[in-house]
Amino acid sequence: MLSHDYWMRAFGGDPAVVGRVFQMNDRPHTVVGVLPPIPGYPQDNDVWMPISACPFRSDPEMENDRDAGMLGAFARLKPGVTLADAQRDLSDVAGKLEADYPKSYPKTVRLALSPVALSEELTRTARPTFLMLFGTVGLVLLLAFGLALGACSSTPDPAAAREKPGVIGRVWGSTVNATQKLNPFDHGLKPREMKQSGSVNYKALVVELRVEPPAPKLGEQRQAAVIIRLTNKSKRLVQLNFPTTQRIDVVVKNKAGKTIEHWSDDQRFENETGLVAINPGERLEYTAHVSTREMSAGEVYTVEGFFPAHEPLRVTGSIAPVR
């Protein structure tokens, strides 16, 4: 199955792509359909296929490696079954796994399996924004009510105020805080469990960069897309911690080494920590759009893409605008 975005980007929305055979991971794959234009979950991918068709996940060595931790599970509850019921069953499963595989699940590292409603996961990133919005509206209404109360209750006669003791028109305000949750990236990780195990194996990750179009026409194309691809070439899960919602950054330099475009300067990021988990053989892509207004035709500019929180993950490309 092709994602709708990839179908449009790579094949121009051609319906004849269904039935075509492509070589991927040294295997032939037949396109059987295109997904509707919906957000990818738990993450965006260009291609979706059965586990048995993936040479990494179907490899016997990988299947027998209990420490790989490469898959997430989705399930539908039976009618009448609650999340609490599912939690009890999952706790029993976790206990049995710990007993059967003590080397993989030592007593010092408890195995925790927790069911989460899909509706909650789909709205998790938007919930802090709504909480902040509702809190702000509530504070504005509280202040407006207090001002109105003070205006209606004002007493010009001090003697009258003494006859009716009490505090009139006082508004007790409080700061409204919206708590932002951590981002465990859909691998069964709870915020309190979001700890990176050991140092990052950067050698397992391959960073690639491409610019689309590589030779934009000035005057016609005001932006170029810088696509950074991160692939886990190892047979182990790799986890990357991030202190904010920013994942990548892009810098464009001229031949003198002067920076003419810094992508993050025009972006806004939240102070929300996150954890990105990359399964064996998995590929992630991030896209940043850079302006071409400071570029000149015939010049070749260096494009640097990197992950600010992980300095070794850095790659360089180029862009050569034309008339």
C-alpha atoms as a PDB file:
ATOM      1  CA  MET A   1       0.000   0.000   0.000  1.00  0.00           C
ATOM      2  CA  LEU A   2       1.267   3.464  -0.886  1.00  0.00           C
ATOM      3  CA  SER A   3       0.586   6.483   1.285  1.00  0.00           C
ATOM      4  CA  HIS A   4      -1.467   9.169  -0.416  1.00  0.00           C
ATOM      5  CA  ASP A   5       1.326  11.719  -0.006  1.00  0.00           C
ATOM      6  CA  TYR A   6       3.929   9.430  -1.584  1.00  0.00           C
ATOM      7  CA  TRP A   7       1.521   8.511  -4.393  1.00  0.00           C
ATOM      8  CA  MET A   8       1.058  12.178  -5.255  1.00  0.00           C
ATOM      9  CA  ARG A   9       4.719  13.085  -4.763  1.00  0.00           C
ATOM     10  CA  ALA A  10       6.321  10.193  -6.645  1.00  0.00           C
ATOM     11  CA  PHE A  11       3.649   9.241  -9.188  1.00  0.00           C
ATOM     12  CA  GLY A  12       1.613  12.412  -9.638  1.00  0.00           C
ATOM     13  CA  GLY A  13      -1.572  10.689  -8.480  1.00  0.00           C
ATOM     14  CA  ASP A  14      -1.507   8.234 -11.400  1.00  0.00           C
ATOM     15  CA  PRO A  15      -4.167   5.513 -10.746  1.00  0.00           C
ATOM     16  CA  ALA A  16      -2.298   3.157 -13.065  1.00  0.00           C
ATOM     17  CA  VAL A  17       0.284   2.628 -10.330  1.00  0.00           C
ATOM     18  CA  VAL A  18      -1.948  -0.101  -8.864  1.00  0.00           C
ATOM     19  CA  GLY A  19      -0.656  -3.443 -10.059  1.00  0.00           C
ATOM     20  CA  ARG A  20       2.863  -2.234 -10.787  1.00  0.00           C
ATOM     21  CA  VAL A  21       5.776  -4.265  -9.407  1.00  0.00           C
ATOM     22  CA  PHE A  22       8.727  -2.572  -7.691  1.00  0.00           C
ATOM     23  CA  GLN A  23      11.988  -3.884  -6.288  1.00  0.00           C
ATOM     24  CA  MET A  24      12.411  -2.985  -2.626  1.00  0.00           C
ATOM     25  CA  ASN A  25      14.845  -4.566  -0.171  1.00  0.00           C
ATOM     26  CA  ASP A  26      15.908  -6.930  -2.987  1.00  0.00           C
ATOM     27  CA  ARG A  27      12.366  -8.285  -3.252  1.00  0.00           C
ATOM     28  CA  PRO A  28       9.553  -7.674  -5.768  1.00  0.00           C
ATOM     29  CA  HIS A  29       6.512  -5.903  -4.319  1.00  0.00           C
ATOM     30  CA  THR A  30       3.176  -5.342  -6.074  1.00  0.00           C
ATOM     31  CA  VAL A  31       1.181  -2.175  -5.391  1.00  0.00           C
ATOM     32  CA  VAL A  32      -2.326  -3.236  -4.372  1.00  0.00           C
ATOM     33  CA  GLY A  33      -3.757   0.165  -3.458  1.00  0.00           C
ATOM     34  CA  VAL A  34      -3.325   3.722  -2.196  1.00  0.00           C
ATOM     35  CA  LEU A  35      -4.336   4.931   1.259  1.00  0.00           C
ATOM     36  CA  PRO A  36      -6.728   7.897   1.575  1.00  0.00           C
ATOM     37  CA  PRO A  37      -5.248  11.318   2.517  1.00  0.00           C
ATOM     38  CA  ILE A  38      -5.197  10.740   6.258  1.00  0.00           C
ATOM     39  CA  PRO A  39      -2.378  11.305   8.792  1.00  0.00           C
ATOM     40  CA  GLY A  40      -0.047   8.349   9.127  1.00  0.00           C
ATOM     41  CA  TYR A  41      -0.218   6.573  12.473  1.00  0.00           C
ATOM     42  CA  PRO A  42       1.812   5.929  14.519  1.00  0.00           C
ATOM     43  CA  GLN A  43       4.103   7.711  12.053  1.00  0.00           C
ATOM     44  CA  ASP A  44       4.206   8.745   8.404  1.00  0.00           C
ATOM     45  CA  ASN A  45       5.547   6.172   5.947  1.00  0.00           C
ATOM     46  CA  ASP A  46       5.703   6.059   2.167  1.00  0.00           C
ATOM     47  CA  VAL A  47       4.950   2.352   1.905  1.00  0.00           C
ATOM     48  CA  TRP A  48       2.977  -0.046   4.120  1.00  0.00           C
ATOM     49  CA  MET A  49       3.412  -3.809   3.833  1.00  0.00           C
ATOM     50  CA  PRO A  50       2.839  -7.010   5.845  1.00  0.00           C
ATOM     51  CA  ILE A  51       5.557  -7.973   8.309  1.00  0.00           C
ATOM     52  CA  SER A  52       6.204 -11.122   6.294  1.00  0.00           C
ATOM     53  CA  ALA A  53       7.192  -8.978   3.287  1.00  0.00           C
ATOM     54  CA  CYS A  54       9.846  -7.060   5.224  1.00  0.00           C
ATOM     55  CA  PRO A  55      13.255  -8.799   5.116  1.00  0.00           C
ATOM     56  CA  PHE A  56      14.327  -7.183   8.400  1.00  0.00           C
ATOM     57  CA  ARG A  57      11.273  -8.001  10.518  1.00  0.00           C
ATOM     58  CA  SER A  58      10.766 -11.464   8.994  1.00  0.00           C
ATOM     59  CA  ASP A  59      14.397 -12.475   9.408  1.00  0.00           C
ATOM     60  CA  PRO A  60      14.544 -15.569  11.684  1.00  0.00           C
ATOM     61  CA  GLU A  61      17.381 -14.065  13.713  1.00  0.00           C
ATOM     62  CA  MET A  62      15.310 -10.949  14.294  1.00  0.00           C
ATOM     63  CA  GLU A  63      12.175 -12.928  15.146  1.00  0.00           C
ATOM     64  CA  ASN A  64      14.072 -14.941  17.742  1.00  0.00           C
ATOM     65  CA  ASP A  65      15.778 -11.900  19.274  1.00  0.00           C
ATOM     66  CA  ARG A  66      13.534 -11.055  22.213  1.00  0.00           C
ATOM     67  CA  ASP A  67      15.585  -7.965  23.044  1.00  0.00           C
ATOM     68  CA  ALA A  68      14.922  -6.283  19.678  1.00  0.00           C
ATOM     69  CA  GLY A  69      11.595  -4.728  20.741  1.00  0.00           C
ATOM     70  CA  MET A  70      10.647  -3.679  17.232  1.00  0.00           C
ATOM     71  CA  LEU A  71       6.868  -3.985  17.088  1.00  0.00           C
ATOM     72  CA  GLY A  72       3.845  -2.261  18.579  1.00  0.00           C
ATOM     73  CA  ALA A  73       0.450  -3.939  18.948  1.00  0.00           C
ATOM     74  CA  PHE A  74      -3.055  -2.764  18.111  1.00  0.00           C
ATOM     75  CA  ALA A  75      -6.161  -4.573  19.316  1.00  0.00           C
ATOM     76  CA  ARG A  76      -9.930  -4.161  19.481  1.00  0.00           C
ATOM     77  CA  LEU A  77     -11.605  -4.730  22.842  1.00  0.00           C
ATOM     78  CA  LYS A  78     -14.545  -7.100  22.958  1.00  0.00           C
ATOM     79  CA  PRO A  79     -17.938  -5.529  23.742  1.00  0.00           C
ATOM     80  CA  GLY A  80     -18.202  -4.912  27.458  1.00  0.00           C
ATOM     81  CA  VAL A  81     -14.454  -5.191  28.094  1.00  0.00           C
ATOM     82  CA  THR A  82     -12.870  -2.111  29.662  1.00  0.00           C
ATOM     83  CA  LEU A  83      -9.294  -0.826  29.606  1.00  0.00           C
ATOM     84  CA  ALA A  84      -9.027  -1.901  33.245  1.00  0.00           C
ATOM     85  CA  ASP A  85      -9.898  -5.469  32.219  1.00  0.00           C
ATOM     86  CA  ALA A  86      -7.299  -5.322  29.448  1.00  0.00           C
ATOM     87  CA  GLN A  87      -4.715  -3.969  31.902  1.00  0.00           C
ATOM     88  CA  ARG A  88      -5.217  -6.959  34.205  1.00  0.00           C
ATOM     89  CA  ASP A  89      -4.740  -9.374  31.299  1.00  0.00           C
ATOM     90  CA  LEU A  90      -1.635  -7.540  30.072  1.00  0.00           C
ATOM     91  CA  SER A  91      -0.172  -7.542  33.577  1.00  0.00           C
ATOM     92  CA  ASP A  92      -0.625 -11.327  33.669  1.00  0.00           C
ATOM     93  CA  VAL A  93       1.110 -11.606  30.274  1.00  0.00           C
ATOM     94  CA  ALA A  94       3.986  -9.400  31.460  1.00  0.00           C
ATOM     95  CA  GLY A  95       4.416 -11.526  34.587  1.00  0.00           C
ATOM     96  CA  LYS A  96       4.520 -14.721  32.537  1.00  0.00           C
ATOM     97  CA  LEU A  97       7.091 -13.264  30.128  1.00  0.00           C
ATOM     98  CA  GLU A  98       9.299 -12.184  33.022  1.00  0.00           C
ATOM     99  CA  ALA A  99       9.100 -15.701  34.469  1.00  0.00           C
ATOM    100  CA  ASP A 100       9.785 -17.455  31.146  1.00  0.00           C
ATOM    101  CA  TYR A 101      12.562 -15.118  29.967  1.00  0.00           C
ATOM    102  CA  PRO A 102      14.466 -13.854  33.025  1.00  0.00           C
ATOM    103  CA  LYS A 103      17.515 -12.833  30.955  1.00  0.00           C
ATOM    104  CA  SER A 104      15.474 -10.488  28.774  1.00  0.00           C
ATOM    105  CA  TYR A 105      13.335  -9.189  31.646  1.00  0.00           C
ATOM    106  CA  PRO A 106      15.479  -9.088  34.804  1.00  0.00           C
ATOM    107  CA  LYS A 107      13.925  -8.134  38.113  1.00  0.00           C
ATOM    108  CA  THR A 108      15.738  -4.797  38.060  1.00  0.00           C
ATOM    109  CA  VAL A 109      13.852  -3.811  34.871  1.00  0.00           C
ATOM    110  CA  ARG A 110      10.149  -4.557  35.200  1.00  0.00           C
ATOM    111  CA  LEU A 111       8.180  -5.196  32.032  1.00  0.00           C
ATOM    112  CA  ALA A 112       5.193  -2.839  31.872  1.00  0.00           C
ATOM    113  CA  LEU A 113       2.403  -3.345  29.328  1.00  0.00           C
ATOM    114  CA  SER A 114      -0.285  -0.676  29.322  1.00  0.00           C
ATOM    115  CA  PRO A 115      -3.300  -0.332  27.005  1.00  0.00           C
ATOM    116  CA  VAL A 116      -4.037   3.150  25.682  1.00  0.00           C
ATOM    117  CA  ALA A 117      -7.221   4.136  23.853  1.00  0.00           C
ATOM    118  CA  LEU A 118      -6.605   5.016  20.204  1.00  0.00           C
ATOM    119  CA  SER A 119      -8.715   8.165  20.540  1.00  0.00           C
ATOM    120  CA  GLU A 120      -6.443   9.337  23.348  1.00  0.00           C
ATOM    121  CA  GLU A 121      -3.304   8.710  21.310  1.00  0.00           C
ATOM    122  CA  LEU A 122      -4.650  10.518  18.250  1.00  0.00           C
ATOM    123  CA  THR A 123      -5.441  13.637  20.296  1.00  0.00           C
ATOM    124  CA  ARG A 124      -2.442  13.459  22.636  1.00  0.00           C
ATOM    125  CA  THR A 125      -0.340  16.090  20.876  1.00  0.00           C
ATOM    126  CA  ALA A 126      -3.287  18.474  20.470  1.00  0.00           C
ATOM    127  CA  ARG A 127      -4.518  18.163  24.061  1.00  0.00           C
ATOM    128  CA  PRO A 128      -1.979  20.586  25.635  1.00  0.00           C
ATOM    129  CA  THR A 129      -2.958  23.249  23.103  1.00  0.00           C
ATOM    130  CA  PHE A 130      -6.646  22.869  23.934  1.00  0.00           C
ATOM    131  CA  LEU A 131      -5.921  22.948  27.653  1.00  0.00           C
ATOM    132  CA  MET A 132      -3.955  26.168  27.256  1.00  0.00           C
ATOM    133  CA  LEU A 133      -6.731  27.659  25.119  1.00  0.00           C
ATOM    134  CA  PHE A 134      -9.470  26.740  27.599  1.00  0.00           C
ATOM    135  CA  GLY A 135      -7.367  28.003  30.512  1.00  0.00           C
ATOM    136  CA  THR A 136      -6.751  31.331  28.784  1.00  0.00           C
ATOM    137  CA  VAL A 137     -10.447  31.762  27.973  1.00  0.00           C
ATOM    138  CA  GLY A 138     -11.366  30.911  31.563  1.00  0.00           C
ATOM    139  CA  LEU A 139      -8.916  33.479  32.936  1.00  0.00           C
ATOM    140  CA  VAL A 140     -10.232  36.185  30.594  1.00  0.00           C
ATOM    141  CA  LEU A 141     -13.815  35.451  31.624  1.00  0.00           C
ATOM    142  CA  LEU A 142     -12.826  35.510  35.302  1.00  0.00           C
ATOM    143  CA  LEU A 143     -11.168  38.905  34.932  1.00  0.00           C
ATOM    144  CA  ALA A 144     -14.103  40.268  32.937  1.00  0.00           C
ATOM    145  CA  PHE A 145     -16.547  39.057  35.598  1.00  0.00           C
ATOM    146  CA  GLY A 146     -14.466  40.635  38.358  1.00  0.00           C
ATOM    147  CA  LEU A 147     -14.311  43.993  36.575  1.00  0.00           C
ATOM    148  CA  ALA A 148     -18.058  43.943  36.014  1.00  0.00           C
ATOM    149  CA  LEU A 149     -18.674  43.041  39.637  1.00  0.00           C
ATOM    150  CA  GLY A 150     -16.425  45.863  40.808  1.00  0.00           C
ATOM    151  CA  ALA A 151     -18.215  48.377  38.582  1.00  0.00           C
ATOM    152  CA  CYS A 152     -21.672  47.310  39.766  1.00  0.00           C
ATOM    153  CA  SER A 153     -20.722  47.205  43.434  1.00  0.00           C
ATOM    154  CA  SER A 154     -18.838  50.519  43.752  1.00  0.00           C
ATOM    155  CA  THR A 155     -20.079  52.703  46.635  1.00  0.00           C
ATOM    156  CA  PRO A 156     -19.396  56.444  46.553  1.00  0.00           C
ATOM    157  CA  ASP A 157     -20.521  56.934  50.161  1.00  0.00           C
ATOM    158  CA  PRO A 158     -17.904  55.680  52.685  1.00  0.00           C
ATOM    159  CA  ALA A 159     -20.526  55.668  55.432  1.00  0.00           C
ATOM    160  CA  ALA A 160     -22.714  53.341  53.429  1.00  0.00           C
ATOM    161  CA  ALA A 161     -19.752  51.040  52.964  1.00  0.00           C
ATOM    162  CA  ARG A 162     -19.219  50.957  56.744  1.00  0.00           C
ATOM    163  CA  GLU A 163     -22.849  49.985  57.264  1.00  0.00           C
ATOM    164  CA  LYS A 164     -22.364  47.008  54.961  1.00  0.00           C
ATOM    165  CA  PRO A 165     -18.996  45.574  55.846  1.00  0.00           C
ATOM    166  CA  GLY A 166     -17.360  43.195  53.445  1.00  0.00           C
ATOM    167  CA  VAL A 167     -14.969  43.008  50.531  1.00  0.00           C
ATOM    168  CA  ILE A 168     -16.529  44.421  47.395  1.00  0.00           C
ATOM    169  CA  GLY A 169     -15.272  43.976  43.850  1.00  0.00           C
ATOM    170  CA  ARG A 170     -12.155  41.952  44.688  1.00  0.00           C
ATOM    171  CA  VAL A 171     -11.081  39.379  42.145  1.00  0.00           C
ATOM    172  CA  TRP A 172      -8.895  36.511  43.246  1.00  0.00           C
ATOM    173  CA  GLY A 173      -6.836  35.565  40.203  1.00  0.00           C
ATOM    174  CA  SER A 174      -4.569  32.598  39.662  1.00  0.00           C
ATOM    175  CA  THR A 175      -2.142  31.623  36.959  1.00  0.00           C
ATOM    176  CA  VAL A 176      -3.490  28.994  34.587  1.00  0.00           C
ATOM    177  CA  ASN A 177      -0.943  26.344  33.682  1.00  0.00           C
ATOM    178  CA  ALA A 178      -1.459  23.689  31.046  1.00  0.00           C
ATOM    179  CA  THR A 179       0.699  20.653  31.758  1.00  0.00           C
ATOM    180  CA  GLN A 180       2.314  19.315  28.599  1.00  0.00           C
ATOM    181  CA  LYS A 181       2.825  15.561  28.496  1.00  0.00           C
ATOM    182  CA  LEU A 182       5.973  13.856  27.362  1.00  0.00           C
ATOM    183  CA  ASN A 183       6.010  12.326  23.921  1.00  0.00           C
ATOM    184  CA  PRO A 184       6.859   8.597  24.120  1.00  0.00           C
ATOM    185  CA  PHE A 185       6.292   8.055  20.375  1.00  0.00           C
ATOM    186  CA  ASP A 186       3.909   5.174  20.329  1.00  0.00           C
ATOM    187  CA  HIS A 187       6.085   2.276  21.492  1.00  0.00           C
ATOM    188  CA  GLY A 188       4.244   1.528  24.721  1.00  0.00           C
ATOM    189  CA  LEU A 189       6.428   3.947  26.653  1.00  0.00           C
ATOM    190  CA  LYS A 190       4.864   5.979  29.430  1.00  0.00           C
ATOM    191  CA  PRO A 191       6.311   9.412  30.344  1.00  0.00           C
ATOM    192  CA  ARG A 192       7.886   8.077  33.522  1.00  0.00           C
ATOM    193  CA  GLU A 193       9.553   5.299  31.520  1.00  0.00           C
ATOM    194  CA  MET A 194      11.012   7.618  28.900  1.00  0.00           C
ATOM    195  CA  LYS A 195      14.646   6.966  29.642  1.00  0.00           C
ATOM    196  CA  GLN A 196      17.160   6.320  26.923  1.00  0.00           C
ATOM    197  CA  SER A 197      18.940   3.054  27.578  1.00  0.00           C
ATOM    198  CA  GLY A 198      22.668   3.773  27.426  1.00  0.00           C
ATOM    199  CA  SER A 199      24.398   5.832  24.767  1.00  0.00           C
ATOM    200  CA  VAL A 200      23.035   6.145  21.249  1.00  0.00           C
ATOM    201  CA  ASN A 201      24.530   3.821  18.654  1.00  0.00           C
ATOM    202  CA  TYR A 202      24.949   6.477  15.970  1.00  0.00           C
ATOM    203  CA  LYS A 203      26.817   4.013  13.739  1.00  0.00           C
ATOM    204  CA  ALA A 204      23.532   2.157  13.281  1.00  0.00           C
ATOM    205  CA  LEU A 205      21.915   5.231  11.718  1.00  0.00           C
ATOM    206  CA  VAL A 206      22.388   6.447   8.165  1.00  0.00           C
ATOM    207  CA  VAL A 207      21.512  10.079   7.412  1.00  0.00           C
ATOM    208  CA  GLU A 208      20.731  11.140   3.846  1.00  0.00           C
ATOM    209  CA  LEU A 209      19.705  14.484   2.368  1.00  0.00           C
ATOM    210  CA  ARG A 210      18.074  15.472  -0.870  1.00  0.00           C
ATOM    211  CA  VAL A 211      16.747  18.781  -2.184  1.00  0.00           C
ATOM    212  CA  GLU A 212      13.591  19.004  -4.292  1.00  0.00           C
ATOM    213  CA  PRO A 213      14.024  20.508  -6.770  1.00  0.00           C
ATOM    214  CA  PRO A 214      17.837  20.424  -6.760  1.00  0.00           C
ATOM    215  CA  ALA A 215      17.919  23.272  -9.317  1.00  0.00           C
ATOM    216  CA  PRO A 216      14.936  25.547  -8.575  1.00  0.00           C
ATOM    217  CA  LYS A 217      13.983  28.207 -11.099  1.00  0.00           C
ATOM    218  CA  LEU A 218      14.342  31.597  -9.455  1.00  0.00           C
ATOM    219  CA  GLY A 219      11.246  33.730  -9.858  1.00  0.00           C
ATOM    220  CA  GLU A 220       9.049  30.655 -10.251  1.00  0.00           C
ATOM    221  CA  GLN A 221       9.982  28.569  -7.232  1.00  0.00           C
ATOM    222  CA  ARG A 222      10.349  30.588  -4.069  1.00  0.00           C
ATOM    223  CA  GLN A 223      11.061  27.576  -1.877  1.00  0.00           C
ATOM    224  CA  ALA A 224      12.887  24.290  -2.012  1.00  0.00           C
ATOM    225  CA  ALA A 225      12.178  21.231   0.076  1.00  0.00           C
ATOM    226  CA  VAL A 226      15.064  19.756   2.049  1.00  0.00           C
ATOM    227  CA  ILE A 227      14.287  16.144   2.933  1.00  0.00           C
ATOM    228  CA  ILE A 228      16.371  14.451   5.622  1.00  0.00           C
ATOM    229  CA  ARG A 229      16.101  10.687   5.791  1.00  0.00           C
ATOM    230  CA  LEU A 230      17.159   8.694   8.849  1.00  0.00           C
ATOM    231  CA  THR A 231      17.472   4.917   8.488  1.00  0.00           C
ATOM    232  CA  ASN A 232      18.242   2.308  11.134  1.00  0.00           C
ATOM    233  CA  LYS A 233      20.542  -0.187   9.391  1.00  0.00           C
ATOM    234  CA  SER A 234      21.115  -2.307  12.477  1.00  0.00           C
ATOM    235  CA  LYS A 235      19.088  -5.126  13.959  1.00  0.00           C
ATOM    236  CA  ARG A 236      18.452  -3.278  17.199  1.00  0.00           C
ATOM    237  CA  LEU A 237      15.964  -0.644  18.208  1.00  0.00           C
ATOM    238  CA  VAL A 238      17.531   2.849  18.364  1.00  0.00           C
ATOM    239  CA  GLN A 239      16.031   5.540  20.581  1.00  0.00           C
ATOM    240  CA  LEU A 240      16.666   9.276  20.329  1.00  0.00           C
ATOM    241  CA  ASN A 241      15.698  11.735  23.057  1.00  0.00           C
ATOM    242  CA  PHE A 242      14.806  15.339  22.192  1.00  0.00           C
ATOM    243  CA  PRO A 243      14.534  18.238  24.683  1.00  0.00           C
ATOM    244  CA  THR A 244      11.932  20.109  22.569  1.00  0.00           C
ATOM    245  CA  THR A 245       9.564  19.435  19.688  1.00  0.00           C
ATOM    246  CA  GLN A 246      12.352  20.331  17.248  1.00  0.00           C
ATOM    247  CA  ARG A 247      13.815  17.322  15.473  1.00  0.00           C
ATOM    248  CA  ILE A 248      15.899  18.713  12.583  1.00  0.00           C
ATOM    249  CA  ASP A 249      17.483  21.931  11.407  1.00  0.00           C
ATOM    250  CA  VAL A 250      18.739  23.124   8.029  1.00  0.00           C
ATOM    251  CA  VAL A 251      21.366  25.739   7.167  1.00  0.00           C
ATOM    252  CA  VAL A 252      22.126  27.027   3.649  1.00  0.00           C
ATOM    253  CA  LYS A 253      25.538  28.633   3.013  1.00  0.00           C
ATOM    254  CA  ASN A 254      27.060  30.368   0.010  1.00  0.00           C
ATOM    255  CA  LYS A 255      30.502  29.555  -1.405  1.00  0.00           C
ATOM    256  CA  ALA A 256      32.100  31.985   1.066  1.00  0.00           C
ATOM    257  CA  GLY A 257      30.650  30.008   3.967  1.00  0.00           C
ATOM    258  CA  LYS A 258      28.133  32.689   4.955  1.00  0.00           C
ATOM    259  CA  THR A 259      24.767  31.469   6.182  1.00  0.00           C
ATOM    260  CA  ILE A 260      21.959  32.857   4.006  1.00  0.00           C
ATOM    261  CA  GLU A 261      19.132  30.689   5.297  1.00  0.00           C
ATOM    262  CA  HIS A 262      18.580  29.138   8.724  1.00  0.00           C
ATOM    263  CA  TRP A 263      15.355  27.133   8.750  1.00  0.00           C
ATOM    264  CA  SER A 264      14.715  27.101  12.522  1.00  0.00           C
ATOM    265  CA  ASP A 265      14.859  30.913  12.751  1.00  0.00           C
ATOM    266  CA  ASP A 266      11.331  31.064  11.327  1.00  0.00           C
ATOM    267  CA  GLN A 267       9.946  28.130  13.296  1.00  0.00           C
ATOM    268  CA  ARG A 268       8.332  27.818  16.691  1.00  0.00           C
ATOM    269  CA  PHE A 269       9.041  24.865  18.956  1.00  0.00           C
ATOM    270  CA  GLU A 270       7.500  23.795  22.255  1.00  0.00           C
ATOM    271  CA  ASN A 271       9.495  22.861  25.348  1.00  0.00           C
ATOM    272  CA  GLU A 272       8.052  19.359  25.216  1.00  0.00           C
ATOM    273  CA  THR A 273      10.480  16.478  25.493  1.00  0.00           C
ATOM    274  CA  GLY A 274      10.103  13.595  23.101  1.00  0.00           C
ATOM    275  CA  LEU A 275      11.458  10.160  22.314  1.00  0.00           C
ATOM    276  CA  VAL A 276      11.767   8.836  18.753  1.00  0.00           C
ATOM    277  CA  ALA A 277      12.141   5.077  18.487  1.00  0.00           C
ATOM    278  CA  ILE A 278      13.455   3.714  15.183  1.00  0.00           C
ATOM    279  CA  ASN A 279      12.891   0.022  14.523  1.00  0.00           C
ATOM    280  CA  PRO A 280      15.462  -2.114  12.668  1.00  0.00           C
ATOM    281  CA  GLY A 281      15.254  -1.361   8.964  1.00  0.00           C
ATOM    282  CA  GLU A 282      12.889   1.526   9.577  1.00  0.00           C
ATOM    283  CA  ARG A 283      13.231   4.840   7.751  1.00  0.00           C
ATOM    284  CA  LEU A 284      12.056   8.245   8.920  1.00  0.00           C
ATOM    285  CA  GLU A 285      11.838  11.367   6.780  1.00  0.00           C
ATOM    286  CA  TYR A 286      11.695  15.002   7.866  1.00  0.00           C
ATOM    287  CA  THR A 287      11.038  17.881   5.475  1.00  0.00           C
ATOM    288  CA  ALA A 288      12.027  21.545   5.851  1.00  0.00           C
ATOM    289  CA  HIS A 289      11.278  24.253   3.287  1.00  0.00           C
ATOM    290  CA  VAL A 290      13.941  26.901   2.702  1.00  0.00           C
ATOM    291  CA  SER A 291      13.557  30.180   0.831  1.00  0.00           C
ATOM    292  CA  THR A 292      15.417  30.866  -2.416  1.00  0.00           C
ATOM    293  CA  ARG A 293      15.067  34.662  -2.245  1.00  0.00           C
ATOM    294  CA  GLU A 294      18.715  35.198  -1.199  1.00  0.00           C
ATOM    295  CA  MET A 295      20.089  32.845  -3.860  1.00  0.00           C
ATOM    296  CA  SER A 296      21.553  33.728  -7.240  1.00  0.00           C
ATOM    297  CA  ALA A 297      21.327  31.750 -10.458  1.00  0.00           C
ATOM    298  CA  GLY A 298      24.470  29.845 -11.400  1.00  0.00           C
ATOM    299  CA  GLU A 299      25.741  29.627  -7.827  1.00  0.00           C
ATOM    300  CA  VAL A 300      26.040  26.381  -5.898  1.00  0.00           C
ATOM    301  CA  TYR A 301      25.006  26.551  -2.250  1.00  0.00           C
ATOM    302  CA  THR A 302      25.808  24.095   0.522  1.00  0.00           C
ATOM    303  CA  VAL A 303      22.838  22.639   2.383  1.00  0.00           C
ATOM    304  CA  GLU A 304      23.535  21.229   5.834  1.00  0.00           C
ATOM    305  CA  GLY A 305      20.931  19.096   7.545  1.00  0.00           C
ATOM    306  CA  PHE A 306      21.326  17.924  11.126  1.00  0.00           C
ATOM    307  CA  PHE A 307      19.638  16.942  14.369  1.00  0.00           C
ATOM    308  CA  PRO A 308      20.520  19.643  16.949  1.00  0.00           C
ATOM    309  CA  ALA A 309      20.087  17.279  19.892  1.00  0.00           C
ATOM    310  CA  HIS A 310      22.306  14.653  18.246  1.00  0.00           C
ATOM    311  CA  GLU A 311      25.348  16.305  16.684  1.00  0.00           C
ATOM    312  CA  PRO A 312      26.769  13.156  14.972  1.00  0.00           C
ATOM    313  CA  LEU A 313      23.609  12.975  12.851  1.00  0.00           C
ATOM    314  CA  ARG A 314      24.670  15.516  10.234  1.00  0.00           C
ATOM    315  CA  VAL A 315      24.619  15.429   6.436  1.00  0.00           C
ATOM    316  CA  THR A 316      25.517  17.837   3.625  1.00  0.00           C
ATOM    317  CA  GLY A 317      24.005  18.403   0.188  1.00  0.00           C
ATOM    318  CA  SER A 318      23.770  21.197  -2.353  1.00  0.00           C
ATOM    319  CA  ILE A 319      21.322  23.360  -4.290  1.00  0.00           C
ATOM    320  CA  ALA A 320      22.047  25.145  -7.584  1.00  0.00           C
ATOM    321  CA  PRO A 321      19.346  27.655  -8.610  1.00  0.00           C
ATOM    322  CA  VAL A 322      18.826  28.508 -12.304  1.00  0.00           C
ATOM    323  CA  ARG A 323      17.000  31.167 -14.268  1.00  0.00           C
END
